[in-house]
C-alpha atoms as a PDB file:
ATOM      1  CA  MET A   1      74.089  70.946  88.913  1.00  0.00           C
ATOM      2  CA  LEU A   2      75.502  72.714  91.959  1.00  0.00           C
ATOM      3  CA  SER A   3      73.339  75.428  93.491  1.00  0.00           C
ATOM      4  CA  ASP A   4      74.479  79.019  93.108  1.00  0.00           C
ATOM      5  CA  VAL A   5      75.517  79.570  96.736  1.00  0.00           C
ATOM      6  CA  LYS A   6      77.000  77.213  99.302  1.00  0.00           C
ATOM      7  CA  ALA A   7      77.912  77.605 102.870  1.00  0.00           C
ATOM      8  CA  LEU A   8      81.259  75.893 102.581  1.00  0.00           C
ATOM      9  CA  SER A   9      83.634  74.807  99.784  1.00  0.00           C
ATOM     10  CA  ILE A  10      86.201  72.194 100.577  1.00  0.00           C
ATOM     11  CA  ILE A  11      89.276  72.223  98.301  1.00  0.00           C
ATOM     12  CA  ILE A  12      91.410  69.127  97.914  1.00  0.00           C
ATOM     13  CA  PRO A  13      94.528  69.468  95.819  1.00  0.00           C
ATOM     14  CA  THR A  14      95.643  66.107  94.377  1.00  0.00           C
ATOM     15  CA  TYR A  15      98.446  64.386  92.536  1.00  0.00           C
ATOM     16  CA  ASN A  16      98.419  60.567  92.494  1.00  0.00           C
ATOM     17  CA  GLU A  17      95.986  60.151  95.325  1.00  0.00           C
ATOM     18  CA  ARG A  18      93.545  57.709  93.801  1.00  0.00           C
ATOM     19  CA  GLU A  19      94.079  55.314  96.612  1.00  0.00           C
ATOM     20  CA  ASN A  20      92.922  57.864  99.160  1.00  0.00           C
ATOM     21  CA  ILE A  21      90.568  60.320  97.502  1.00  0.00           C
ATOM     22  CA  GLY A  22      87.424  58.208  97.533  1.00  0.00           C
ATOM     23  CA  GLN A  23      87.693  57.398 101.235  1.00  0.00           C
ATOM     24  CA  LEU A  24      88.459  61.011 102.048  1.00  0.00           C
ATOM     25  CA  ILE A  25      85.425  62.332 100.132  1.00  0.00           C
ATOM     26  CA  GLU A  26      83.175  59.742 101.917  1.00  0.00           C
ATOM     27  CA  LYS A  27      84.546  60.892 105.362  1.00  0.00           C
ATOM     28  CA  ILE A  28      83.998  64.591 104.422  1.00  0.00           C
ATOM     29  CA  ILE A  29      80.349  63.912 103.523  1.00  0.00           C
ATOM     30  CA  GLU A  30      79.843  62.043 106.792  1.00  0.00           C
ATOM     31  CA  SER A  31      81.386  64.806 108.851  1.00  0.00           C
ATOM     32  CA  LEU A  32      79.538  67.737 107.211  1.00  0.00           C
ATOM     33  CA  THR A  33      75.976  66.326 107.661  1.00  0.00           C
ATOM     34  CA  GLY A  34      73.536  69.278 107.915  1.00  0.00           C
ATOM     35  CA  ILE A  35      75.807  71.732 106.079  1.00  0.00           C
ATOM     36  CA  ASP A  36      75.380  72.895 102.526  1.00  0.00           C
ATOM     37  CA  PHE A  37      78.766  72.217 101.087  1.00  0.00           C
ATOM     38  CA  GLU A  38      80.693  71.355  97.996  1.00  0.00           C
ATOM     39  CA  VAL A  39      83.983  69.441  97.402  1.00  0.00           C
ATOM     40  CA  ILE A  40      86.329  70.704  94.756  1.00  0.00           C
ATOM     41  CA  VAL A  41      89.184  68.475  93.805  1.00  0.00           C
ATOM     42  CA  VAL A  42      91.945  70.095  91.931  1.00  0.00           C
ATOM     43  CA  ASP A  43      94.040  67.519  90.113  1.00  0.00           C
ATOM     44  CA  ASP A  44      97.382  68.031  88.429  1.00  0.00           C
ATOM     45  CA  ASN A  45      96.927  65.487  85.704  1.00  0.00           C
ATOM     46  CA  SER A  46      97.699  62.569  88.069  1.00  0.00           C
ATOM     47  CA  PRO A  47      99.136  59.611  86.108  1.00  0.00           C
ATOM     48  CA  ASP A  48      97.304  57.193  88.444  1.00  0.00           C
ATOM     49  CA  GLY A  49      93.957  58.506  87.218  1.00  0.00           C
ATOM     50  CA  THR A  50      92.852  60.420  90.314  1.00  0.00           C
ATOM     51  CA  GLY A  51      91.221  63.107  88.246  1.00  0.00           C
ATOM     52  CA  GLU A  52      89.246  60.593  86.179  1.00  0.00           C
ATOM     53  CA  PHE A  53      88.165  58.728  89.306  1.00  0.00           C
ATOM     54  CA  VAL A  54      86.810  61.927  90.810  1.00  0.00           C
ATOM     55  CA  GLU A  55      85.058  62.776  87.509  1.00  0.00           C
ATOM     56  CA  GLN A  56      83.233  59.554  87.629  1.00  0.00           C
ATOM     57  CA  LEU A  57      82.353  60.143  91.317  1.00  0.00           C
ATOM     58  CA  SER A  58      80.949  63.553  90.532  1.00  0.00           C
ATOM     59  CA  HIS A  59      78.369  62.002  88.225  1.00  0.00           C
ATOM     60  CA  LYS A  60      76.950  60.277  91.335  1.00  0.00           C
ATOM     61  CA  LEU A  61      77.413  63.121  93.806  1.00  0.00           C
ATOM     62  CA  ASN A  62      76.186  66.449  92.767  1.00  0.00           C
ATOM     63  CA  ASN A  63      78.226  68.386  95.338  1.00  0.00           C
ATOM     64  CA  VAL A  64      81.502  66.998  94.107  1.00  0.00           C
ATOM     65  CA  LYS A  65      83.385  68.351  91.115  1.00  0.00           C
ATOM     66  CA  VAL A  66      86.971  68.247  89.744  1.00  0.00           C
ATOM     67  CA  ILE A  67      89.244  70.816  88.083  1.00  0.00           C
ATOM     68  CA  HIS A  68      91.725  69.187  85.689  1.00  0.00           C
ATOM     69  CA  ARG A  69      94.991  71.005  85.328  1.00  0.00           C
ATOM     70  CA  PRO A  70      97.533  70.104  82.629  1.00  0.00           C
ATOM     71  CA  GLY A  71     100.439  69.100  85.002  1.00  0.00           C
ATOM     72  CA  LYS A  72     102.140  69.644  88.258  1.00  0.00           C
ATOM     73  CA  LEU A  73     101.686  73.386  88.806  1.00  0.00           C
ATOM     74  CA  GLY A  74     102.034  73.362  92.583  1.00  0.00           C
ATOM     75  CA  LEU A  75      99.814  72.997  95.670  1.00  0.00           C
ATOM     76  CA  SER A  76      99.401  76.680  96.373  1.00  0.00           C
ATOM     77  CA  SER A  77      98.210  77.505  92.900  1.00  0.00           C
ATOM     78  CA  ALA A  78      95.852  74.547  93.064  1.00  0.00           C
ATOM     79  CA  ILE A  79      94.259  75.941  96.119  1.00  0.00           C
ATOM     80  CA  LEU A  80      93.875  79.351  94.517  1.00  0.00           C
ATOM     81  CA  ASP A  81      92.322  77.710  91.386  1.00  0.00           C
ATOM     82  CA  GLY A  82      89.873  75.913  93.609  1.00  0.00           C
ATOM     83  CA  ALA A  83      89.053  79.072  95.511  1.00  0.00           C
ATOM     84  CA  SER A  84      88.436  80.940  92.252  1.00  0.00           C
ATOM     85  CA  VAL A  85      85.434  78.766  91.493  1.00  0.00           C
ATOM     86  CA  ALA A  86      84.365  78.159  95.061  1.00  0.00           C
ATOM     87  CA  GLN A  87      80.693  78.971  95.726  1.00  0.00           C
ATOM     88  CA  GLY A  88      80.946  78.869  99.544  1.00  0.00           C
ATOM     89  CA  TYR A  89      81.339  81.951 101.636  1.00  0.00           C
ATOM     90  CA  ALA A  90      83.762  79.822 103.610  1.00  0.00           C
ATOM     91  CA  VAL A  91      86.618  77.839 102.123  1.00  0.00           C
ATOM     92  CA  GLY A  92      88.346  74.812 103.670  1.00  0.00           C
ATOM     93  CA  VAL A  93      91.568  73.233 102.619  1.00  0.00           C
ATOM     94  CA  ILE A  94      92.530  69.616 103.385  1.00  0.00           C
ATOM     95  CA  ASP A  95      95.150  67.202 102.051  1.00  0.00           C
ATOM     96  CA  ALA A  96      94.033  64.150 100.082  1.00  0.00           C
ATOM     97  CA  ASP A  97      96.348  61.766 101.963  1.00  0.00           C
ATOM     98  CA  LEU A  98      94.154  61.221 105.089  1.00  0.00           C
ATOM     99  CA  GLN A  99      96.774  62.785 107.316  1.00  0.00           C
ATOM    100  CA  HIS A 100      94.155  65.533 108.150  1.00  0.00           C
ATOM    101  CA  PRO A 101      91.134  64.259 110.114  1.00  0.00           C
ATOM    102  CA  PRO A 102      87.973  65.299 108.122  1.00  0.00           C
ATOM    103  CA  GLN A 103      85.988  64.960 111.337  1.00  0.00           C
ATOM    104  CA  LEU A 104      87.375  68.324 112.400  1.00  0.00           C
ATOM    105  CA  LEU A 105      85.783  70.276 109.502  1.00  0.00           C
ATOM    106  CA  LYS A 106      82.554  70.857 111.241  1.00  0.00           C
ATOM    107  CA  GLU A 107      84.202  72.302 114.315  1.00  0.00           C
ATOM    108  CA  MET A 108      86.347  74.615 112.063  1.00  0.00           C
ATOM    109  CA  PHE A 109      83.198  75.759 110.213  1.00  0.00           C
ATOM    110  CA  SER A 110      81.541  76.480 113.511  1.00  0.00           C
ATOM    111  CA  LYS A 111      84.396  78.844 114.369  1.00  0.00           C
ATOM    112  CA  ILE A 112      83.685  80.686 111.101  1.00  0.00           C
ATOM    113  CA  GLY A 113      80.130  80.959 112.251  1.00  0.00           C
ATOM    114  CA  GLU A 114      81.365  82.441 115.581  1.00  0.00           C
ATOM    115  CA  GLY A 115      83.070  85.306 113.697  1.00  0.00           C
ATOM    116  CA  TYR A 116      86.549  84.109 113.054  1.00  0.00           C
ATOM    117  CA  ASP A 117      87.962  84.944 109.689  1.00  0.00           C
ATOM    118  CA  VAL A 118      90.644  82.279 109.621  1.00  0.00           C
ATOM    119  CA  VAL A 119      90.640  78.892 111.354  1.00  0.00           C
ATOM    120  CA  VAL A 120      93.906  76.927 111.540  1.00  0.00           C
ATOM    121  CA  ALA A 121      94.049  73.255 112.404  1.00  0.00           C
ATOM    122  CA  SER A 122      97.215  73.198 114.543  1.00  0.00           C
ATOM    123  CA  ARG A 123      99.691  70.522 115.433  1.00  0.00           C
ATOM    124  CA  TYR A 124     101.384  72.778 118.113  1.00  0.00           C
ATOM    125  CA  VAL A 125      98.572  74.067 120.329  1.00  0.00           C
ATOM    126  CA  GLU A 126      97.597  72.061 123.362  1.00  0.00           C
ATOM    127  CA  GLY A 127      95.832  68.907 122.314  1.00  0.00           C
ATOM    128  CA  GLY A 128      97.519  68.754 118.934  1.00  0.00           C
ATOM    129  CA  GLY A 129     100.305  66.401 117.890  1.00  0.00           C
ATOM    130  CA  ILE A 130     102.168  64.567 115.206  1.00  0.00           C
ATOM    131  CA  GLU A 131     102.093  60.891 114.562  1.00  0.00           C
ATOM    132  CA  GLY A 132     104.971  58.940 113.030  1.00  0.00           C
ATOM    133  CA  TRP A 133     107.455  61.662 112.201  1.00  0.00           C
ATOM    134  CA  SER A 134     111.259  61.170 112.537  1.00  0.00           C
ATOM    135  CA  PHE A 135     113.213  63.381 114.801  1.00  0.00           C
ATOM    136  CA  THR A 136     114.856  65.111 111.705  1.00  0.00           C
ATOM    137  CA  ARG A 137     111.418  65.964 110.144  1.00  0.00           C
ATOM    138  CA  LYS A 138     110.275  67.397 113.446  1.00  0.00           C
ATOM    139  CA  ILE A 139     113.315  69.568 113.654  1.00  0.00           C
ATOM    140  CA  VAL A 140     112.831  70.759 110.116  1.00  0.00           C
ATOM    141  CA  SER A 141     109.159  71.671 110.767  1.00  0.00           C
ATOM    142  CA  LYS A 142     110.025  73.495 114.008  1.00  0.00           C
ATOM    143  CA  THR A 143     112.832  75.431 112.264  1.00  0.00           C
ATOM    144  CA  ALA A 144     110.521  76.386 109.433  1.00  0.00           C
ATOM    145  CA  SER A 145     107.874  77.683 111.830  1.00  0.00           C
ATOM    146  CA  PHE A 146     110.573  79.581 113.860  1.00  0.00           C
ATOM    147  CA  LEU A 147     111.764  81.287 110.623  1.00  0.00           C
ATOM    148  CA  ALA A 148     108.178  82.244 109.790  1.00  0.00           C
ATOM    149  CA  HIS A 149     107.607  83.705 113.217  1.00  0.00           C
ATOM    150  CA  LEU A 150     110.908  85.534 113.072  1.00  0.00           C
ATOM    151  CA  LEU A 151     110.434  87.106 109.611  1.00  0.00           C
ATOM    152  CA  LEU A 152     106.671  87.496 109.350  1.00  0.00           C
ATOM    153  CA  LYS A 153     104.956  89.763 111.847  1.00  0.00           C
ATOM    154  CA  ARG A 154     101.305  88.750 111.186  1.00  0.00           C
ATOM    155  CA  CYS A 155     102.100  85.123 111.442  1.00  0.00           C
ATOM    156  CA  ARG A 156     103.488  85.245 114.996  1.00  0.00           C
ATOM    157  CA  PRO A 157     100.184  84.820 116.788  1.00  0.00           C
ATOM    158  CA  VAL A 158      99.761  81.436 115.103  1.00  0.00           C
ATOM    159  CA  SER A 159     101.651  78.558 116.445  1.00  0.00           C
ATOM    160  CA  ASP A 160     101.359  76.448 113.232  1.00  0.00           C
ATOM    161  CA  PRO A 161     101.493  78.953 110.301  1.00  0.00           C
ATOM    162  CA  LEU A 162     102.692  76.143 107.995  1.00  0.00           C
ATOM    163  CA  SER A 163      99.593  73.951 108.599  1.00  0.00           C
ATOM    164  CA  GLY A 164      98.184  72.515 105.334  1.00  0.00           C
ATOM    165  CA  TYR A 165      94.734  72.150 106.985  1.00  0.00           C
ATOM    166  CA  PHE A 166      92.784  75.504 107.468  1.00  0.00           C
ATOM    167  CA  MET A 167      89.543  77.282 106.672  1.00  0.00           C
ATOM    168  CA  PHE A 168      88.832  80.963 105.933  1.00  0.00           C
ATOM    169  CA  ARG A 169      86.113  83.293 104.795  1.00  0.00           C
ATOM    170  CA  LYS A 170      86.405  83.666 101.021  1.00  0.00           C
ATOM    171  CA  ASP A 171      86.581  87.429 101.345  1.00  0.00           C
ATOM    172  CA  VAL A 172      89.849  87.103 103.200  1.00  0.00           C
ATOM    173  CA  ILE A 173      91.649  86.698  99.952  1.00  0.00           C
ATOM    174  CA  ASP A 174      89.647  89.171  97.916  1.00  0.00           C
ATOM    175  CA  GLY A 175      91.991  91.382  95.969  1.00  0.00           C
ATOM    176  CA  VAL A 176      95.150  89.771  97.425  1.00  0.00           C
ATOM    177  CA  LYS A 177      98.061  89.163  94.972  1.00  0.00           C
ATOM    178  CA  PHE A 178      99.624  85.820  95.875  1.00  0.00           C
ATOM    179  CA  GLU A 179     103.052  84.436  94.877  1.00  0.00           C
ATOM    180  CA  ALA A 180     101.501  80.976  94.817  1.00  0.00           C
ATOM    181  CA  LYS A 181     104.939  79.355  95.046  1.00  0.00           C
ATOM    182  CA  GLY A 182     105.608  76.170  96.941  1.00  0.00           C
ATOM    183  CA  TYR A 183     103.109  74.447  99.179  1.00  0.00           C
ATOM    184  CA  LYS A 184     102.555  76.861 102.141  1.00  0.00           C
ATOM    185  CA  ILE A 185      99.731  79.074 100.917  1.00  0.00           C
ATOM    186  CA  LEU A 186      98.490  79.588 104.536  1.00  0.00           C
ATOM    187  CA  LEU A 187     101.636  81.626 105.164  1.00  0.00           C
ATOM    188  CA  GLU A 188     100.661  84.020 102.460  1.00  0.00           C
ATOM    189  CA  ILE A 189      97.099  84.248 103.586  1.00  0.00           C
ATOM    190  CA  LEU A 190      98.214  85.060 107.157  1.00  0.00           C
ATOM    191  CA  GLU A 191     100.617  87.624 106.006  1.00  0.00           C
ATOM    192  CA  LYS A 192      98.621  89.351 103.217  1.00  0.00           C
ATOM    193  CA  GLY A 193      94.940  88.434 103.922  1.00  0.00           C
ATOM    194  CA  ASN A 194      92.115  90.701 104.876  1.00  0.00           C
ATOM    195  CA  TYR A 195      91.229  89.361 108.328  1.00  0.00           C
ATOM    196  CA  ASP A 196      90.964  90.480 111.921  1.00  0.00           C
ATOM    197  CA  LYS A 197      90.250  87.247 113.919  1.00  0.00           C
ATOM    198  CA  VAL A 198      92.166  84.016 113.670  1.00  0.00           C
ATOM    199  CA  ILE A 199      91.906  80.937 115.843  1.00  0.00           C
ATOM    200  CA  GLU A 200      93.675  77.554 116.102  1.00  0.00           C
ATOM    201  CA  VAL A 201      92.003  74.234 116.798  1.00  0.00           C
ATOM    202  CA  PRO A 202      94.092  71.257 117.768  1.00  0.00           C
ATOM    203  CA  TYR A 203      94.533  68.104 115.641  1.00  0.00           C
ATOM    204  CA  THR A 204      96.947  65.178 115.356  1.00  0.00           C
ATOM    205  CA  PHE A 205      98.724  64.938 112.063  1.00  0.00           C
ATOM    206  CA  ARG A 206      98.518  61.259 111.105  1.00  0.00           C
ATOM    207  CA  SER A 207     100.887  59.019 109.224  1.00  0.00           C
ATOM    208  CA  ARG A 208     100.240  58.617 105.556  1.00  0.00           C
ATOM    209  CA  ARG A 209      97.877  55.709 104.767  1.00  0.00           C
ATOM    210  CA  ALA A 210      98.813  55.267 101.059  1.00  0.00           C
ATOM    211  CA  GLY A 211     100.793  56.795  98.330  1.00  0.00           C
ATOM    212  CA  LYS A 212     104.059  58.750  98.564  1.00  0.00           C
ATOM    213  CA  SER A 213     104.949  61.978 100.303  1.00  0.00           C
ATOM    214  CA  LYS A 214     105.343  65.011  97.973  1.00  0.00           C
ATOM    215  CA  MET A 215     108.011  66.664 100.173  1.00  0.00           C
ATOM    216  CA  ARG A 216     111.108  67.303  98.134  1.00  0.00           C
ATOM    217  CA  PHE A 217     114.282  69.376  98.590  1.00  0.00           C
ATOM    218  CA  ASN A 218     113.127  71.876  96.049  1.00  0.00           C
ATOM    219  CA  GLU A 219     110.005  72.501  98.219  1.00  0.00           C
ATOM    220  CA  ILE A 220     112.294  73.629 100.993  1.00  0.00           C
ATOM    221  CA  LEU A 221     114.079  75.984  98.626  1.00  0.00           C
ATOM    222  CA  ASN A 222     110.740  77.403  97.472  1.00  0.00           C
ATOM    223  CA  TYR A 223     109.745  77.913 101.114  1.00  0.00           C
ATOM    224  CA  VAL A 224     112.860  79.947 101.842  1.00  0.00           C
ATOM    225  CA  LYS A 225     112.315  82.003  98.642  1.00  0.00           C
ATOM    226  CA  LEU A 226     108.770  82.659  99.767  1.00  0.00           C
ATOM    227  CA  LEU A 227     109.894  83.739 103.200  1.00  0.00           C
ATOM    228  CA  MET A 228     112.419  86.121 101.680  1.00  0.00           C
ATOM    229  CA  LYS A 229     109.746  87.574  99.317  1.00  0.00           C
ATOM    230  CA  LEU A 230     107.137  87.980 102.020  1.00  0.00           C
ATOM    231  CA  SER A 231     109.506  89.650 104.409  1.00  0.00           C
ATOM    232  CA  GLU A 232     110.642  91.924 101.606  1.00  0.00           C
ATOM    233  CA  TYR A 233     114.165  90.457 101.920  1.00  0.00           C
ATOM    234  CA  ARG A 234     114.494  91.994 105.336  1.00  0.00           C
ATOM    235  CA  VAL A 235     117.209  89.656 106.465  1.00  0.00           C
ATOM    236  CA  LEU A 236     119.355  90.213 103.352  1.00  0.00           C
ATOM    237  CA  LYS A 237     118.942  93.977 103.754  1.00  0.00           C
ATOM    238  CA  PHE A 238     119.935  93.610 107.428  1.00  0.00           C
ATOM    239  CA  VAL A 239     122.984  91.645 106.478  1.00  0.00           C
ATOM    240  CA  THR A 240     123.917  94.226 103.885  1.00  0.00           C
ATOM    241  CA  VAL A 241     123.630  96.996 106.363  1.00  0.00           C
ATOM    242  CA  GLY A 242     125.545  94.908 108.886  1.00  0.00           C
ATOM    243  CA  LEU A 243     128.373  94.499 106.276  1.00  0.00           C
ATOM    244  CA  SER A 244     128.524  98.225 105.789  1.00  0.00           C
ATOM    245  CA  GLY A 245     128.705  98.573 109.576  1.00  0.00           C
ATOM    246  CA  VAL A 246     131.655  96.106 109.590  1.00  0.00           C
ATOM    247  CA  LEU A 247     133.514  98.387 107.087  1.00  0.00           C
ATOM    248  CA  VAL A 248     132.702 101.503 109.265  1.00  0.00           C
ATOM    249  CA  ASN A 249     133.763  99.657 112.461  1.00  0.00           C
ATOM    250  CA  LEU A 250     137.034  98.266 111.059  1.00  0.00           C
ATOM    251  CA  GLY A 251     137.812 101.303 109.233  1.00  0.00           C
ATOM    252  CA  SER A 252     137.253 103.633 112.166  1.00  0.00           C
ATOM    253  CA  LEU A 253     139.247 101.445 114.388  1.00  0.00           C
ATOM    254  CA  TRP A 254     142.121 101.319 111.919  1.00  0.00           C
ATOM    255  CA  ILE A 255     142.100 105.164 111.409  1.00  0.00           C
ATOM    256  CA  LEU A 256     141.984 105.882 115.230  1.00  0.00           C
ATOM    257  CA  VAL A 257     144.789 103.447 116.010  1.00  0.00           C
ATOM    258  CA  THR A 258     146.987 104.148 113.008  1.00  0.00           C
ATOM    259  CA  PHE A 259     146.603 107.914 112.383  1.00  0.00           C
ATOM    260  CA  PHE A 260     145.563 109.219 115.859  1.00  0.00           C
ATOM    261  CA  SER A 261     147.382 106.692 118.088  1.00  0.00           C
ATOM    262  CA  PHE A 262     144.365 106.129 120.166  1.00  0.00           C
ATOM    263  CA  PRO A 263     144.552 103.244 122.667  1.00  0.00           C
ATOM    264  CA  LYS A 264     143.100 100.076 121.097  1.00  0.00           C
ATOM    265  CA  LEU A 265     140.553  99.489 123.850  1.00  0.00           C
ATOM    266  CA  TYR A 266     139.122 103.011 123.674  1.00  0.00           C
ATOM    267  CA  SER A 267     139.308 103.057 119.808  1.00  0.00           C
ATOM    268  CA  ALA A 268     137.064 100.057 119.702  1.00  0.00           C
ATOM    269  CA  ILE A 269     134.420 101.821 121.744  1.00  0.00           C
ATOM    270  CA  PHE A 270     134.365 104.761 119.272  1.00  0.00           C
ATOM    271  CA  ALA A 271     134.375 102.360 116.293  1.00  0.00           C
ATOM    272  CA  ILE A 272     131.420 100.409 117.608  1.00  0.00           C
ATOM    273  CA  GLU A 273     129.458 103.681 118.149  1.00  0.00           C
ATOM    274  CA  PHE A 274     130.195 104.815 114.642  1.00  0.00           C
ATOM    275  CA  SER A 275     128.952 101.540 113.235  1.00  0.00           C
ATOM    276  CA  ILE A 276     125.802 101.686 115.452  1.00  0.00           C
ATOM    277  CA  ILE A 277     124.855 105.041 114.009  1.00  0.00           C
ATOM    278  CA  ASN A 278     125.629 103.831 110.459  1.00  0.00           C
ATOM    279  CA  ASN A 279     123.510 100.732 110.896  1.00  0.00           C
ATOM    280  CA  PHE A 280     120.622 102.583 112.492  1.00  0.00           C
ATOM    281  CA  ILE A 281     120.351 105.136 109.719  1.00  0.00           C
ATOM    282  CA  LEU A 282     120.412 102.555 106.960  1.00  0.00           C
ATOM    283  CA  ASN A 283     118.030 100.186 108.708  1.00  0.00           C
ATOM    284  CA  ASP A 284     115.583 103.025 109.513  1.00  0.00           C
ATOM    285  CA  PHE A 285     115.449 104.276 105.968  1.00  0.00           C
ATOM    286  CA  TRP A 286     115.740 100.956 104.172  1.00  0.00           C
ATOM    287  CA  THR A 287     115.351  97.663 106.009  1.00  0.00           C
ATOM    288  CA  PHE A 288     112.463  98.571 108.378  1.00  0.00           C
ATOM    289  CA  LYS A 289     111.147 101.626 106.549  1.00  0.00           C
ATOM    290  CA  ASP A 290     107.600 100.187 106.611  1.00  0.00           C
ATOM    291  CA  ARG A 291     107.736  99.991 110.425  1.00  0.00           C
ATOM    292  CA  ARG A 292     108.983 103.490 111.234  1.00  0.00           C
ATOM    293  CA  SER A 293     106.891 105.146 113.914  1.00  0.00           C
ATOM    294  CA  GLY A 294     107.421 107.889 116.432  1.00  0.00           C
ATOM    295  CA  ASN A 295     110.454 110.186 116.713  1.00  0.00           C
ATOM    296  CA  PHE A 296     113.703 109.515 114.812  1.00  0.00           C
ATOM    297  CA  PHE A 297     115.868 110.200 117.749  1.00  0.00           C
ATOM    298  CA  TYR A 298     113.737 107.994 120.056  1.00  0.00           C
ATOM    299  CA  ARG A 299     114.225 105.170 117.648  1.00  0.00           C
ATOM    300  CA  LEU A 300     117.975 105.898 117.653  1.00  0.00           C
ATOM    301  CA  ILE A 301     118.027 105.779 121.429  1.00  0.00           C
ATOM    302  CA  LYS A 302     116.113 102.437 121.374  1.00  0.00           C
ATOM    303  CA  PHE A 303     118.572 101.119 118.818  1.00  0.00           C
ATOM    304  CA  HIS A 304     121.285 101.845 121.279  1.00  0.00           C
ATOM    305  CA  GLY A 305     119.295  99.813 123.674  1.00  0.00           C
ATOM    306  CA  SER A 306     120.220  96.854 121.366  1.00  0.00           C
ATOM    307  CA  ALA A 307     123.491  97.033 123.258  1.00  0.00           C
ATOM    308  CA  LEU A 308     123.527  93.236 123.645  1.00  0.00           C
ATOM    309  CA  GLY A 309     124.951  92.916 120.135  1.00  0.00           C
ATOM    310  CA  PRO A 310     127.693  95.534 120.585  1.00  0.00           C
ATOM    311  CA  LEU A 311     128.307  94.374 124.147  1.00  0.00           C
ATOM    312  CA  ILE A 312     128.824  90.824 122.870  1.00  0.00           C
ATOM    313  CA  ASN A 313     131.060  92.323 120.163  1.00  0.00           C
ATOM    314  CA  TYR A 314     133.229  94.225 122.664  1.00  0.00           C
ATOM    315  CA  ILE A 315     133.486  91.382 125.190  1.00  0.00           C
ATOM    316  CA  VAL A 316     134.596  88.941 122.536  1.00  0.00           C
ATOM    317  CA  TYR A 317     137.036  91.574 121.245  1.00  0.00           C
ATOM    318  CA  VAL A 318     138.575  92.111 124.610  1.00  0.00           C
ATOM    319  CA  LEU A 319     138.835  88.404 125.422  1.00  0.00           C
ATOM    320  CA  LEU A 320     140.503  87.625 122.130  1.00  0.00           C
ATOM    321  CA  LEU A 321     142.991  90.509 122.644  1.00  0.00           C
ATOM    322  CA  LEU A 322     143.920  88.901 125.941  1.00  0.00           C
ATOM    323  CA  PHE A 323     144.623  85.666 124.076  1.00  0.00           C
ATOM    324  CA  GLY A 324     146.839  87.558 121.725  1.00  0.00           C
ATOM    325  CA  VAL A 325     144.650  87.584 118.672  1.00  0.00           C
ATOM    326  CA  ASN A 326     145.213  90.381 116.158  1.00  0.00           C
ATOM    327  CA  TYR A 327     143.025  93.335 117.086  1.00  0.00           C
ATOM    328  CA  LEU A 328     141.262  93.563 113.675  1.00  0.00           C
ATOM    329  CA  ILE A 329     140.534  89.822 113.568  1.00  0.00           C
ATOM    330  CA  ALA A 330     139.309  89.924 117.172  1.00  0.00           C
ATOM    331  CA  ASP A 331     137.013  92.693 116.229  1.00  0.00           C
ATOM    332  CA  ALA A 332     135.677  90.930 113.197  1.00  0.00           C
ATOM    333  CA  ILE A 333     134.810  87.791 115.275  1.00  0.00           C
ATOM    334  CA  GLY A 334     133.170  90.009 117.886  1.00  0.00           C
ATOM    335  CA  ILE A 335     130.996  91.568 115.207  1.00  0.00           C
ATOM    336  CA  LEU A 336     129.916  88.201 113.944  1.00  0.00           C
ATOM    337  CA  CYS A 337     128.971  86.973 117.427  1.00  0.00           C
ATOM    338  CA  GLY A 338     126.811  90.110 118.109  1.00  0.00           C
ATOM    339  CA  PHE A 339     124.988  89.996 114.821  1.00  0.00           C
ATOM    340  CA  VAL A 340     122.261  87.557 115.776  1.00  0.00           C
ATOM    341  CA  ALA A 341     121.458  89.247 119.002  1.00  0.00           C
ATOM    342  CA  ASN A 342     121.367  92.633 117.284  1.00  0.00           C
ATOM    343  CA  TYR A 343     118.894  91.396 114.547  1.00  0.00           C
ATOM    344  CA  LEU A 344     116.550  89.884 117.090  1.00  0.00           C
ATOM    345  CA  PHE A 345     116.462  93.099 119.139  1.00  0.00           C
ATOM    346  CA  SER A 346     115.858  95.177 115.898  1.00  0.00           C
ATOM    347  CA  GLU A 347     113.043  92.889 114.709  1.00  0.00           C
ATOM    348  CA  PHE A 348     111.174  92.590 117.995  1.00  0.00           C
ATOM    349  CA  ILE A 349     111.947  95.796 119.877  1.00  0.00           C
ATOM    350  CA  VAL A 350     113.091  98.720 117.757  1.00  0.00           C
ATOM    351  CA  TRP A 351     111.028  98.257 114.699  1.00  0.00           C
ATOM    352  CA  ARG A 352     108.333  95.888 115.882  1.00  0.00           C
END
């Protein structure tokens, strides 16, 4: 029987990891000498008998147990199921494929003892690295991290918010409602968790020793869905507001030129200003409503400081006019070019 209270619970989600799990548990036991810990394997009904193997192992090792689940329910939910029965005040998560060095667990636990609430084993801080990845996979990983930093404010201090190797005080997730979709539960913990202090420790992500990678295209789709959900669909809202601004911009330009015979160059300036005011009001009361602070007019002035987007809009518009492009088409292209710069300024400056 396990004792009622442990210092540390190590959760290992598994699916077809029989070739690796025994060696991993052995290394965990070696690395945590002197610490009162338990190992919780959460197995998704592995056809290769991973769950049954750990079950037999648990008869010999009283600090090892297994949770049998009926099928592939996902890595994030496996971690949460493990945490729900964990008896440690700290919870560590490690992959079963030996790509995460278990020797780091003791150092991570020591950081919890120093007062940190979340400890992330990072591939991207100094001293960390990746072994055996293709250029394409590195690009995908970096892009995914960039999107997390762009859309999720609380994740930005962490260089590797998509790490699958981390540790946290169990009370960090108390009362938190998780989506538990996909395989990046750390992202949700960082964005929703009850924590103050987070630290990263470097490690080298190793090549898989045995078995097959679980990465699939649908996991990428689940990640994008999770990002949208955690960011409260901010990008989609911003795009919607931007489209309304396009209508205001083009409509104003057409009215000024057609009905008031304003010169096209001056009309574009007014049209851009009308769209700026339209976009600010909608973003302030909808897209970034949870980040409003200070005076409304001060935010409006700051939003005008995002002149990079409109400036790019206008420069592209003028240049295309010089090349004989239709003024409405030229303005539409200018709007598109200024969109990215405008979103970045809004996200990091106006409603940070």
